[in-house]
Amino acid sequence: MGGVVDVLTDGGVFSSDVSVKLLDLLLWIYAKKSMLGMCWLVFYKMIAKGLLPDVKNCNRVLRLLKDTNVAREVYNVMMECGIRPTTVTYNTMLDSFCKQRQVQQAQQLLIQMQRVGCSANELTYNILVNGLSHEGELEKAEELIEEMLRLGLKVSAYTYDPLIRGYCEKGMLDNALRLVEEMLRRGVLPTVATYNTIMYGLCKWGRVSDARQLLDVMVNKNLMPDLISFNTLIYGYSRLGNLGEAFLLFVELRYRSLVPSVVTYNTLIDGLCRFGDLDVARRIKDEMIQHGPHPDVFTYTILVRGFCMMGNLPMAKELFDEMLHRGLQPDRFAYITRIVGELKLGDPYKAFGMQEEMLSKGFPPDLITYNVFIDGLHKLGNLKEASKLVQKMLYDGIVPDHVTYTSIIHAHLMAGHLRKARVVFNEMLSKGIVPSVVTYTVLIHSYAVRGRLELAILHFIEMLEKGVCPNVITYNALINGLCKVRKMDQAYHFFVEMQAKGIYPNKYTYTILINENCNLGHWQEALRLYKDMLDRDIQPDSCTHSALLKHLSKDYKLRAVWHLENVIGGCE
């Protein structure tokens, strides 16, 4: 066929008009068959001979190349040769820019498109809204939706969904819910995917009860919740430790004739492992083997991590070997999970041996691998070996990130080397590495637990000034420190502030406040906090009960818990 292309481009056999039509036909066939090499050959031979391909065929070639940098080259050639781009051309290029996270160029292309009088359509704006939302440019995305409405273009769930997802990822849940109301007000019907996105955001940020209510909203709007809806809620309840509700949802999804997937099972197993129910987690894995769906690498990795967390390294090893025996190939994360276990509970040399095994399996050490080893050695108190590993990391051309530095800072703080920790922190800043919420939380916790609250609060203010958003663990560290020195007014100030920012307290927040209120003899306040926990579906654990009932003798504790929950239930 290459010879045919040469004959057609060289001329002499057919007129140029006929040659162009035949070459366009070839270009169309190659594009339809996704034969990129031949498309490339025909396109450039036509251009070289001044035989301009039809813009529709150029668009087909662009669509094949849109996930690569070559698309821009083809587009530039089209412009240079005078092939007039269409809306499809621009939409393809906008999609290409957005997928390559070049949203600024995409915005400039929209301006260029408008300047030459090419009409933008709904797809044009949807692509840009999606791109901006993925980059966190949420206000600009909203402005584009307003522009669509001014132009009389139709907005749909596909327009709003990426923006809603963006707000959910940032924890700006009220904005996400506002957009759903806006959709309904404008006659745009949210889809199951829309509600699933909101539900996931609510679950991720601890508002599982609100997410559960959306299930009923969906049903009332004749939208049937799908497996993703149930998996999301199971994930939310599992994270809170409310595994009873998670299993009820598991039963309900089967009642609705939905078939649980490996993700459903993995989510339940993960929840059980996080809260120490490892025997039940193993039984579910065995049930998967018997009845399906079969466990995957993630199933075994979750179990291995769970047993490592509980200090049972022999069982973690047994499960890792079972995964291999079943023909499942461990991925990088599976290996790293085992390495973390060996560093924490076993032999560091065995962990380094596993790294060699990873290398032989095609997993060369990357930033995450180095960070795991550096953190593991620090936790073992082997700061000297960890320092050598940092040097090796640099020698291998891998640049330390905020995780690396946070690990080093944490190690110095744990050893009581506060000044050294501060030096490493300043070094991190001097290299232009932005501290994460974990970095600041580690510093805040260390100072707060030592009673140096002025420094803890100073770091808290600094993180806000740098645009680093605190999380519930950050607030817990401050509240705990303030409670220890009985500055309850300040502790409650942060308790209220975190909720105003959409950061919801967890069982540790409540346990800290309940504990100190009981120490102060403020029984009614402790009881109110306990009731608030239950109202929010936050399950108290043994630590909460110990804090609440520590002034009672052991014989009365279980009966008191039972009585207390009945009393509170009767108060509703």
Protein backbone atom coordinates (compact mmCIF):
# COMPACT_ATOMS: atom_id res chain seq x y z
CA MET A 1 0.00 0.00 0.00
CA GLY A 2 2.97 2.29 0.54
CA GLY A 3 3.67 2.01 -3.19
CA VAL A 4 0.09 2.95 -4.03
CA VAL A 5 0.40 6.02 -1.82
CA ASP A 6 3.60 7.04 -3.67
CA VAL A 7 1.88 6.66 -7.07
CA LEU A 8 -1.06 8.78 -5.95
CA THR A 9 1.06 11.52 -4.36
CA ASP A 10 3.56 11.70 -7.26
CA GLY A 11 0.80 12.47 -9.79
CA GLY A 12 0.94 11.66 -13.50
CA VAL A 13 -1.64 8.87 -13.35
CA PHE A 14 -4.69 10.75 -12.08
CA SER A 15 -5.62 14.38 -11.83
CA SER A 16 -4.86 16.04 -8.49
CA ASP A 17 -8.58 16.10 -7.60
CA VAL A 18 -8.90 12.34 -8.16
CA SER A 19 -5.63 11.67 -6.28
CA VAL A 20 -6.85 13.69 -3.29
CA LYS A 21 -10.15 11.78 -3.23
CA LEU A 22 -8.39 8.40 -3.39
CA LEU A 23 -5.83 9.39 -0.76
CA ASP A 24 -8.63 10.71 1.45
CA LEU A 25 -10.36 7.35 1.04
CA LEU A 26 -7.15 5.57 2.15
CA LEU A 27 -6.76 7.97 5.08
CA TRP A 28 -10.38 7.30 6.13
CA ILE A 29 -9.84 3.50 5.98
CA TYR A 30 -6.60 3.66 7.97
CA ALA A 31 -8.21 5.94 10.58
CA LYS A 32 -11.22 3.61 10.89
CA LYS A 33 -8.84 0.65 11.41
CA SER A 34 -6.73 2.70 13.89
CA MET A 35 -3.65 2.06 11.71
CA LEU A 36 -1.72 5.00 13.09
CA GLY A 37 1.50 4.41 11.16
CA MET A 38 -0.25 4.38 7.78
CA CYS A 39 -2.37 7.42 8.74
CA TRP A 40 0.84 9.25 9.55
CA LEU A 41 2.45 8.21 6.24
CA VAL A 42 -0.51 9.24 4.06
CA PHE A 43 -1.09 12.51 5.93
CA TYR A 44 2.50 13.73 5.64
CA LYS A 45 2.98 12.60 2.03
CA MET A 46 -0.19 14.46 1.05
CA ILE A 47 0.97 17.61 2.88
CA ALA A 48 4.45 17.38 1.33
CA LYS A 49 2.93 17.33 -2.18
CA GLY A 50 0.44 20.11 -1.47
CA LEU A 51 -2.53 17.70 -1.62
CA LEU A 52 -4.62 18.84 1.33
CA PRO A 53 -6.63 16.12 3.08
CA ASP A 54 -10.26 16.69 3.98
CA VAL A 55 -10.64 18.28 7.43
CA LYS A 56 -12.87 15.37 8.54
CA ASN A 57 -10.02 12.95 7.93
CA CYS A 58 -7.62 15.30 9.72
CA ASN A 59 -10.01 15.21 12.68
CA ARG A 60 -10.00 11.41 12.59
CA VAL A 61 -6.19 11.40 12.72
CA LEU A 62 -6.25 13.91 15.58
CA ARG A 63 -8.66 11.70 17.54
CA LEU A 64 -6.23 8.79 17.19
CA LEU A 65 -3.37 10.98 18.44
CA LYS A 66 -5.18 13.04 21.09
CA ASP A 67 -3.54 11.23 24.01
CA THR A 68 -0.06 12.04 22.66
CA ASN A 69 2.02 15.20 22.11
CA VAL A 70 1.94 14.50 18.35
CA ALA A 71 -1.65 15.77 18.13
CA ARG A 72 -0.44 19.35 18.53
CA GLU A 73 2.07 18.85 15.68
CA VAL A 74 -0.68 17.61 13.33
CA TYR A 75 -2.91 20.52 14.39
CA ASN A 76 -0.10 23.04 13.71
CA VAL A 77 0.51 21.51 10.25
CA MET A 78 -3.22 21.84 9.50
CA MET A 79 -3.15 25.52 10.44
CA GLU A 80 0.03 26.21 8.44
CA CYS A 81 -1.39 24.54 5.35
CA GLY A 82 -4.68 26.43 5.55
CA ILE A 83 -6.93 23.48 6.45
CA ARG A 84 -9.77 25.29 8.24
CA PRO A 85 -10.47 23.63 11.60
CA THR A 86 -14.04 22.76 12.59
CA THR A 87 -15.70 22.53 16.00
CA VAL A 88 -14.70 18.84 16.03
CA THR A 89 -11.06 19.84 15.47
CA TYR A 90 -11.10 22.26 18.38
CA ASN A 91 -12.97 19.85 20.67
CA THR A 92 -10.42 17.13 19.94
CA MET A 93 -7.53 19.45 20.73
CA LEU A 94 -9.25 20.76 23.87
CA ASP A 95 -9.68 17.18 25.04
CA SER A 96 -6.02 16.46 24.26
CA PHE A 97 -4.80 19.50 26.23
CA CYS A 98 -7.02 18.69 29.22
CA LYS A 99 -5.95 15.03 29.34
CA GLN A 100 -2.33 16.17 29.36
CA ARG A 101 -3.18 18.59 32.18
CA GLN A 102 -2.46 21.63 30.01
CA VAL A 103 -5.64 23.47 30.93
CA GLN A 104 -4.20 26.95 30.33
CA GLN A 105 -3.48 26.06 26.70
CA ALA A 106 -7.01 24.66 26.44
CA GLN A 107 -8.47 27.96 27.67
CA GLN A 108 -6.37 29.88 25.15
CA LEU A 109 -7.58 27.55 22.40
CA LEU A 110 -11.21 28.33 23.33
CA ILE A 111 -10.46 32.04 22.97
CA GLN A 112 -8.83 31.38 19.58
CA MET A 113 -11.84 29.30 18.54
CA GLN A 114 -14.21 32.14 19.44
CA ARG A 115 -11.97 34.70 17.70
CA VAL A 116 -12.13 32.89 14.33
CA GLY A 117 -15.91 32.55 14.61
CA CYS A 118 -16.04 28.79 15.12
CA SER A 119 -19.08 27.94 17.24
CA ALA A 120 -18.42 26.23 20.54
CA ASN A 121 -21.01 23.61 21.51
CA GLU A 122 -22.02 21.81 24.71
CA LEU A 123 -19.20 19.29 24.26
CA THR A 124 -16.63 22.11 24.01
CA TYR A 125 -17.63 23.50 27.38
CA ASN A 126 -18.09 20.09 29.00
CA ILE A 127 -14.51 19.18 28.07
CA LEU A 128 -13.17 22.40 29.59
CA VAL A 129 -15.30 22.18 32.74
CA ASN A 130 -14.00 18.64 33.21
CA GLY A 131 -10.37 19.72 32.67
CA LEU A 132 -10.61 22.70 35.03
CA SER A 133 -12.34 20.61 37.69
CA HIS A 134 -9.61 17.95 37.58
CA GLU A 135 -7.01 20.69 38.10
CA GLY A 136 -8.91 22.14 41.06
CA GLU A 137 -9.85 25.33 39.17
CA LEU A 138 -13.41 25.03 40.45
CA GLU A 139 -14.43 28.70 40.36
CA LYS A 140 -13.33 28.98 36.72
CA ALA A 141 -15.29 25.81 35.93
CA GLU A 142 -18.41 27.37 37.48
CA GLU A 143 -17.84 30.53 35.43
CA LEU A 144 -17.80 28.41 32.25
CA ILE A 145 -21.15 26.84 33.19
CA GLU A 146 -22.60 30.34 33.62
CA GLU A 147 -21.16 31.27 30.20
CA MET A 148 -22.84 28.19 28.67
CA LEU A 149 -26.19 29.28 30.08
CA ARG A 150 -25.73 32.84 28.77
CA LEU A 151 -25.03 31.43 25.31
CA GLY A 152 -28.19 29.28 25.49
CA LEU A 153 -26.25 26.01 25.47
CA LYS A 154 -27.75 23.01 27.21
CA VAL A 155 -26.18 21.93 30.49
CA SER A 156 -26.49 18.34 31.70
CA ALA A 157 -25.33 16.03 34.47
CA TYR A 158 -22.17 15.47 32.39
CA THR A 159 -21.48 19.21 32.75
CA TYR A 160 -21.95 19.30 36.51
CA ASP A 161 -20.57 15.92 37.60
CA PRO A 162 -16.82 16.76 37.26
CA LEU A 163 -17.32 20.01 39.20
CA ILE A 164 -19.25 18.19 41.93
CA ARG A 165 -16.46 15.61 42.12
CA GLY A 166 -13.89 18.41 42.42
CA TYR A 167 -15.70 20.00 45.36
CA CYS A 168 -16.10 16.59 47.04
CA GLU A 169 -12.38 15.84 46.70
CA LYS A 170 -11.56 19.14 48.42
CA GLY A 171 -14.06 18.44 51.20
CA MET A 172 -16.23 21.38 50.11
CA LEU A 173 -19.37 19.30 50.45
CA ASP A 174 -21.80 22.17 50.90
CA ASN A 175 -20.72 23.53 47.51
CA ALA A 176 -21.25 20.10 45.95
CA LEU A 177 -24.74 19.82 47.46
CA ARG A 178 -25.50 23.39 46.32
CA LEU A 179 -24.70 22.37 42.75
CA VAL A 180 -27.15 19.47 42.95
CA GLU A 181 -29.86 21.92 44.07
CA GLU A 182 -28.85 24.23 41.22
CA MET A 183 -29.16 21.35 38.73
CA LEU A 184 -32.69 20.56 39.92
CA ARG A 185 -33.65 24.26 39.81
CA ARG A 186 -32.49 24.46 36.18
CA GLY A 187 -34.32 21.28 35.19
CA VAL A 188 -31.14 19.20 34.92
CA LEU A 189 -31.73 15.71 36.29
CA PRO A 190 -28.90 14.28 38.41
CA THR A 191 -27.95 10.73 37.45
CA VAL A 192 -27.03 7.75 39.60
CA ALA A 193 -23.38 8.71 38.94
CA THR A 194 -24.07 12.22 40.30
CA TYR A 195 -25.48 10.87 43.55
CA ASN A 196 -22.69 8.27 43.82
CA THR A 197 -20.12 11.07 43.58
CA ILE A 198 -21.82 13.04 46.37
CA MET A 199 -22.20 9.90 48.49
CA TYR A 200 -18.51 9.09 48.15
CA GLY A 201 -17.55 12.64 49.12
CA LEU A 202 -19.81 12.53 52.18
CA CYS A 203 -18.43 9.12 53.21
CA LYS A 204 -14.85 10.20 52.68
CA TRP A 205 -15.33 13.18 54.98
CA GLY A 206 -17.22 11.26 57.67
CA ARG A 207 -20.81 12.27 56.89
CA VAL A 208 -22.05 8.73 56.32
CA SER A 209 -25.56 9.32 57.69
CA ASP A 210 -26.07 12.09 55.10
CA ALA A 211 -24.80 9.76 52.39
CA ARG A 212 -27.21 7.04 53.52
CA GLN A 213 -30.14 9.46 53.17
CA LEU A 214 -29.20 10.06 49.53
CA LEU A 215 -29.95 6.39 48.84
CA ASP A 216 -33.59 7.08 49.73
CA VAL A 217 -33.54 10.32 47.70
CA MET A 218 -32.41 8.33 44.65
CA VAL A 219 -35.19 5.78 45.07
CA ASN A 220 -37.79 8.56 45.49
CA LYS A 221 -36.61 10.04 42.17
CA ASN A 222 -36.97 6.64 40.43
CA LEU A 223 -33.21 6.26 40.19
CA MET A 224 -32.14 2.75 41.10
CA PRO A 225 -28.98 2.66 43.23
CA ASP A 226 -26.30 0.50 41.64
CA LEU A 227 -23.46 -1.58 43.05
CA ILE A 228 -21.22 1.51 43.26
CA SER A 229 -23.85 3.19 45.50
CA PHE A 230 -23.78 0.28 47.94
CA ASN A 231 -20.00 -0.17 47.77
CA THR A 232 -19.63 3.52 48.62
CA LEU A 233 -21.86 3.29 51.69
CA ILE A 234 -20.20 0.05 52.82
CA TYR A 235 -16.87 1.90 52.52
CA GLY A 236 -18.22 4.80 54.60
CA TYR A 237 -19.59 2.65 57.43
CA SER A 238 -16.47 0.44 57.41
CA ARG A 239 -14.24 3.48 57.85
CA LEU A 240 -16.29 4.58 60.86
CA GLY A 241 -16.08 1.10 62.33
CA ASN A 242 -19.84 0.60 62.04
CA LEU A 243 -19.46 -2.85 60.51
CA GLY A 244 -22.95 -3.94 61.55
CA GLU A 245 -24.47 -1.33 59.24
CA ALA A 246 -21.96 -2.24 56.51
CA PHE A 247 -23.08 -5.88 56.61
CA LEU A 248 -26.78 -4.84 56.58
CA LEU A 249 -26.07 -2.95 53.33
CA PHE A 250 -24.30 -6.03 52.00
CA VAL A 251 -27.50 -8.03 52.63
CA GLU A 252 -29.66 -5.26 51.12
CA LEU A 253 -27.69 -5.11 47.86
CA ARG A 254 -28.23 -8.84 47.39
CA TYR A 255 -31.94 -8.34 48.15
CA ARG A 256 -32.00 -5.81 45.29
CA SER A 257 -30.56 -8.52 42.98
CA LEU A 258 -27.17 -6.83 42.80
CA VAL A 259 -24.16 -9.15 42.71
CA PRO A 260 -21.36 -8.15 45.12
CA SER A 261 -18.02 -7.66 43.38
CA VAL A 262 -14.50 -8.28 44.61
CA VAL A 263 -14.45 -4.55 45.52
CA THR A 264 -17.47 -5.09 47.81
CA TYR A 265 -15.74 -7.94 49.61
CA ASN A 266 -12.41 -6.13 49.77
CA THR A 267 -14.10 -3.10 51.35
CA LEU A 268 -15.68 -5.25 54.06
CA ILE A 269 -12.41 -7.13 54.65
CA ASP A 270 -10.54 -3.82 54.91
CA GLY A 271 -13.02 -2.53 57.51
CA LEU A 272 -12.75 -5.75 59.53
CA CYS A 273 -8.94 -5.65 59.41
CA ARG A 274 -8.78 -2.01 60.46
CA PHE A 275 -10.85 -2.74 63.55
CA GLY A 276 -9.16 -6.02 64.46
CA ASP A 277 -11.79 -8.59 63.35
CA LEU A 278 -9.19 -10.62 61.48
CA ASP A 279 -10.81 -14.02 61.92
CA VAL A 280 -14.03 -12.78 60.29
CA ALA A 281 -11.96 -11.15 57.54
CA ARG A 282 -10.25 -14.48 56.80
CA ARG A 283 -13.59 -16.30 56.77
CA ILE A 284 -14.92 -13.88 54.16
CA LYS A 285 -11.81 -14.52 52.05
CA ASP A 286 -12.45 -18.27 52.31
CA GLU A 287 -16.09 -17.72 51.31
CA MET A 288 -14.87 -15.82 48.23
CA ILE A 289 -12.67 -18.79 47.28
CA GLN A 290 -15.61 -21.19 47.61
CA HIS A 291 -18.40 -19.16 46.03
CA GLY A 292 -16.75 -16.29 44.17
CA PRO A 293 -15.80 -13.71 43.23
CA HIS A 294 -12.27 -15.01 43.71
CA PRO A 295 -9.95 -12.92 45.90
CA ASP A 296 -7.45 -10.79 44.03
CA VAL A 297 -4.05 -9.31 44.92
CA PHE A 298 -5.78 -6.47 46.79
CA THR A 299 -7.72 -8.94 48.97
CA TYR A 300 -4.52 -10.62 50.13
CA THR A 301 -2.64 -7.33 50.50
CA ILE A 302 -5.40 -5.97 52.79
CA LEU A 303 -5.23 -9.14 54.91
CA VAL A 304 -1.42 -9.11 55.04
CA ARG A 305 -1.49 -5.47 56.17
CA GLY A 306 -4.19 -6.25 58.76
CA PHE A 307 -2.20 -9.07 60.36
CA CYS A 308 0.98 -6.95 60.30
CA MET A 309 -0.88 -4.14 62.08
CA MET A 310 -2.00 -6.60 64.76
CA GLY A 311 1.54 -7.91 65.17
CA ASN A 312 0.90 -11.35 63.66
CA LEU A 313 3.73 -11.57 61.13
CA PRO A 314 3.61 -15.39 60.74
CA MET A 315 -0.03 -15.21 59.55
CA ALA A 316 0.85 -12.28 57.27
CA LYS A 317 3.58 -14.43 55.68
CA GLU A 318 1.20 -17.38 55.36
CA LEU A 319 -1.36 -15.24 53.50
CA PHE A 320 1.34 -13.79 51.23
CA ASP A 321 2.45 -17.34 50.36
CA GLU A 322 -1.17 -18.38 49.79
CA MET A 323 -1.51 -15.53 47.29
CA LEU A 324 1.53 -16.86 45.40
CA HIS A 325 0.21 -20.43 45.57
CA ARG A 326 -3.05 -19.30 43.97
CA GLY A 327 -1.11 -17.93 41.00
CA LEU A 328 -1.60 -14.26 41.87
CA GLN A 329 1.39 -12.06 41.09
CA PRO A 330 2.12 -9.52 43.83
CA ASP A 331 2.26 -5.92 42.67
CA ARG A 332 4.54 -3.23 44.07
CA PHE A 333 2.06 -2.38 46.84
CA ALA A 334 1.78 -6.04 47.93
CA TYR A 335 5.57 -6.28 48.27
CA ILE A 336 5.79 -2.97 50.13
CA THR A 337 3.07 -4.13 52.56
CA ARG A 338 5.17 -7.21 53.39
CA ILE A 339 8.31 -5.09 53.70
CA VAL A 340 6.54 -2.76 56.15
CA GLY A 341 5.61 -5.83 58.22
CA GLU A 342 9.17 -7.14 58.23
CA LEU A 343 10.55 -3.74 59.22
CA LYS A 344 7.98 -3.37 61.99
CA LEU A 345 7.89 -6.91 63.37
CA GLY A 346 10.55 -9.03 61.75
CA ASP A 347 14.05 -8.79 60.40
CA PRO A 348 15.19 -5.63 58.53
CA TYR A 349 17.61 -7.79 56.51
CA LYS A 350 14.66 -9.92 55.36
CA ALA A 351 12.94 -6.70 54.29
CA PHE A 352 15.98 -5.72 52.19
CA GLY A 353 15.96 -9.25 50.74
CA MET A 354 12.36 -8.70 49.65
CA GLN A 355 13.47 -5.51 47.92
CA GLU A 356 15.92 -7.61 45.87
CA GLU A 357 13.03 -9.95 45.01
CA MET A 358 11.00 -6.92 43.90
CA LEU A 359 13.86 -5.88 41.64
CA SER A 360 14.01 -9.33 40.04
CA LYS A 361 10.24 -9.11 39.39
CA GLY A 362 10.64 -5.84 37.52
CA PHE A 363 9.93 -3.41 40.36
CA PRO A 364 13.03 -1.19 40.72
CA PRO A 365 13.16 0.89 43.93
CA ASP A 366 11.17 4.09 43.54
CA LEU A 367 10.44 7.02 45.82
CA ILE A 368 7.74 5.10 47.73
CA THR A 369 10.04 2.10 48.31
CA TYR A 370 12.81 4.31 49.65
CA ASN A 371 10.36 6.21 51.87
CA VAL A 372 9.09 2.93 53.35
CA PHE A 373 12.62 1.75 54.22
CA ILE A 374 13.69 5.15 55.57
CA ASP A 375 10.56 5.35 57.74
CA GLY A 376 10.97 1.72 58.89
CA LEU A 377 14.61 2.24 59.90
CA HIS A 378 13.71 5.44 61.72
CA LYS A 379 11.00 3.63 63.69
CA LEU A 380 13.57 0.99 64.64
CA GLY A 381 15.70 3.83 65.99
CA ASN A 382 18.39 3.21 63.38
CA LEU A 383 18.84 6.82 62.30
CA LYS A 384 22.37 6.18 61.02
CA GLU A 385 21.29 3.51 58.50
CA ALA A 386 18.30 5.62 57.50
CA SER A 387 20.65 8.54 56.78
CA LYS A 388 22.82 6.27 54.57
CA LEU A 389 19.71 5.21 52.68
CA VAL A 390 18.81 8.86 52.02
CA GLN A 391 22.29 9.31 50.49
CA LYS A 392 21.81 6.21 48.33
CA MET A 393 18.44 7.53 47.25
CA LEU A 394 20.09 10.77 46.08
CA TYR A 395 22.86 8.78 44.35
CA ASP A 396 20.17 6.86 42.42
CA GLY A 397 18.76 10.18 41.20
CA ILE A 398 15.57 10.02 43.30
CA VAL A 399 14.69 13.34 44.91
CA PRO A 400 13.31 13.17 48.49
CA ASP A 401 9.78 14.52 48.87
CA HIS A 402 7.66 15.75 51.78
CA VAL A 403 7.11 12.12 52.91
CA THR A 404 10.88 11.54 53.20
CA TYR A 405 11.41 14.71 55.19
CA THR A 406 8.35 14.08 57.38
CA SER A 407 9.75 10.66 58.28
CA ILE A 408 13.12 12.18 59.27
CA ILE A 409 11.42 14.97 61.27
CA HIS A 410 9.21 12.44 63.05
CA ALA A 411 12.22 10.27 63.95
CA HIS A 412 14.04 13.23 65.54
CA LEU A 413 10.91 14.27 67.43
CA MET A 414 10.39 10.73 68.76
CA ALA A 415 14.03 10.69 69.93
CA GLY A 416 13.48 14.04 71.66
CA HIS A 417 15.73 15.91 69.22
CA LEU A 418 13.40 18.88 68.76
CA ARG A 419 16.13 21.22 67.52
CA LYS A 420 17.33 18.72 64.89
CA ALA A 421 13.72 18.24 63.76
CA ARG A 422 13.41 21.99 63.28
CA VAL A 423 16.67 22.09 61.26
CA VAL A 424 15.37 19.35 58.92
CA PHE A 425 12.05 21.20 58.60
CA ASN A 426 13.87 24.41 57.61
CA GLU A 427 16.01 22.44 55.12
CA MET A 428 12.81 21.07 53.59
CA LEU A 429 11.46 24.62 53.16
CA SER A 430 14.75 25.88 51.71
CA LYS A 431 14.58 23.20 48.99
CA GLY A 432 11.12 24.39 47.98
CA ILE A 433 9.39 21.23 49.23
CA VAL A 434 5.95 22.15 50.59
CA PRO A 435 5.18 20.44 53.92
CA SER A 436 2.04 18.32 53.89
CA VAL A 437 -0.72 18.16 56.48
CA VAL A 438 1.10 15.12 57.92
CA THR A 439 4.32 17.11 58.35
CA TYR A 440 2.57 19.85 60.29
CA THR A 441 0.46 17.38 62.27
CA VAL A 442 3.59 15.49 63.39
CA LEU A 443 5.12 18.78 64.62
CA ILE A 444 1.89 19.98 66.25
CA HIS A 445 1.36 16.65 68.02
CA SER A 446 4.94 16.54 69.29
CA TYR A 447 4.79 20.05 70.77
CA ALA A 448 1.23 19.66 72.10
CA VAL A 449 1.93 16.37 73.89
CA ARG A 450 4.94 18.02 75.60
CA GLY A 451 2.77 20.91 76.77
CA ARG A 452 4.46 23.43 74.45
CA LEU A 453 1.13 24.64 73.11
CA GLU A 454 2.35 28.05 71.97
CA LEU A 455 4.66 26.33 69.43
CA ALA A 456 1.93 23.86 68.44
CA ILE A 457 -0.52 26.69 67.73
CA LEU A 458 2.22 28.65 65.93
CA HIS A 459 2.72 25.72 63.52
CA PHE A 460 -1.04 25.46 63.12
CA ILE A 461 -1.27 29.12 62.08
CA GLU A 462 1.73 28.67 59.77
CA MET A 463 0.09 25.74 57.97
CA LEU A 464 -3.08 27.78 57.42
CA GLU A 465 -1.04 30.69 56.03
CA LYS A 466 0.67 28.32 53.58
CA GLY A 467 -2.70 26.98 52.39
CA VAL A 468 -2.24 23.52 53.92
CA CYS A 469 -5.62 22.33 55.19
CA PRO A 470 -5.63 20.66 58.61
CA ASN A 471 -7.46 17.35 59.02
CA VAL A 472 -9.23 15.72 61.95
CA ILE A 473 -5.92 14.29 63.26
CA THR A 474 -4.40 17.79 63.35
CA TYR A 475 -7.32 19.10 65.38
CA ASN A 476 -7.25 16.05 67.64
CA ALA A 477 -3.57 16.76 68.43
CA LEU A 478 -4.40 20.35 69.44
CA ILE A 479 -7.54 19.42 71.39
CA ASN A 480 -5.65 16.65 73.22
CA GLY A 481 -2.82 19.01 74.18
CA LEU A 482 -5.24 21.66 75.42
CA CYS A 483 -7.26 19.12 77.40
CA LYS A 484 -4.11 17.85 79.12
CA VAL A 485 -3.48 21.34 80.54
CA ARG A 486 -7.24 21.80 81.09
CA LYS A 487 -7.65 24.73 78.70
CA MET A 488 -11.13 23.50 77.86
CA ASP A 489 -12.39 26.77 76.36
CA GLN A 490 -9.63 26.68 73.74
CA ALA A 491 -10.18 22.96 73.15
CA TYR A 492 -13.87 23.60 72.46
CA HIS A 493 -12.93 26.55 70.23
CA PHE A 494 -11.00 24.17 67.94
CA PHE A 495 -13.77 21.56 68.24
CA VAL A 496 -16.31 24.10 66.89
CA GLU A 497 -13.89 25.52 64.32
CA MET A 498 -13.12 22.16 62.71
CA GLN A 499 -16.82 21.47 62.16
CA ALA A 500 -17.38 24.95 60.73
CA LYS A 501 -14.70 24.08 58.16
CA GLY A 502 -16.46 20.83 57.25
CA ILE A 503 -13.97 18.65 59.15
CA TYR A 504 -16.03 16.23 61.20
CA PRO A 505 -14.85 14.86 64.56
CA ASN A 506 -14.13 11.15 64.88
CA LYS A 507 -14.27 8.79 67.85
CA TYR A 508 -10.85 9.97 69.05
CA THR A 509 -12.00 13.61 69.16
CA TYR A 510 -14.98 12.67 71.28
CA THR A 511 -12.97 10.30 73.49
CA ILE A 512 -10.42 13.04 74.26
CA LEU A 513 -13.16 15.50 75.29
CA ILE A 514 -15.18 12.87 77.19
CA ASN A 515 -12.08 11.78 79.08
CA GLU A 516 -11.19 15.26 80.30
CA ASN A 517 -14.80 16.15 81.15
CA CYS A 518 -14.96 13.02 83.32
CA ASN A 519 -11.68 14.00 84.99
CA LEU A 520 -13.22 17.38 85.79
CA GLY A 521 -16.43 15.77 87.03
CA HIS A 522 -18.52 17.29 84.23
CA TRP A 523 -20.74 14.21 83.87
CA GLN A 524 -23.61 15.91 81.98
CA GLU A 525 -21.24 17.28 79.34
CA ALA A 526 -19.55 13.89 78.94
CA LEU A 527 -22.99 12.32 78.50
CA ARG A 528 -23.96 14.95 75.92
CA LEU A 529 -20.79 14.27 73.91
CA TYR A 530 -21.45 10.53 74.09
CA LYS A 531 -25.00 10.99 72.79
CA ASP A 532 -23.70 13.28 70.01
CA MET A 533 -21.33 10.48 68.96
CA LEU A 534 -24.14 7.97 68.68
CA ASP A 535 -26.38 10.45 66.83
CA ARG A 536 -23.63 10.84 64.23
CA ASP A 537 -23.20 7.06 63.80
CA ILE A 538 -19.70 7.27 65.30
CA GLN A 539 -19.17 4.02 67.16
CA PRO A 540 -17.52 4.37 70.56
CA ASP A 541 -14.83 1.80 71.34
CA SER A 542 -13.36 0.37 74.54
CA CYS A 543 -11.21 3.49 75.02
CA THR A 544 -14.31 5.71 74.89
CA HIS A 545 -16.11 3.51 77.41
CA SER A 546 -13.04 3.39 79.64
CA ALA A 547 -12.83 7.17 79.62
CA LEU A 548 -16.55 7.54 80.31
CA LEU A 549 -16.79 4.91 83.03
CA LYS A 550 -13.32 4.91 84.58
CA HIS A 551 -14.67 6.08 87.94
CA LEU A 552 -16.94 3.03 88.16
CA SER A 553 -15.75 -0.34 89.41
CA LYS A 554 -15.11 -2.99 86.72
CA ASP A 555 -18.13 -5.14 87.71
CA TYR A 556 -20.55 -2.38 86.80
CA LYS A 557 -18.99 -1.21 83.53
CA LEU A 558 -20.66 -3.56 81.03
CA ARG A 559 -24.05 -3.14 82.67
CA ALA A 560 -23.54 0.62 82.74
CA VAL A 561 -22.75 0.73 79.00
CA TRP A 562 -25.89 -1.27 78.23
CA HIS A 563 -28.01 0.93 80.51
CA LEU A 564 -26.46 4.15 79.20
CA GLU A 565 -27.21 3.37 75.56
CA ASN A 566 -30.80 2.46 76.45
CA VAL A 567 -31.24 5.71 78.39
CA ILE A 568 -29.83 7.76 75.52
CA GLY A 569 -31.96 5.86 73.01
CA GLY A 570 -35.01 6.72 75.10
CA CYS A 571 -34.09 10.41 75.13
CA GLU A 572 -34.54 10.75 71.37
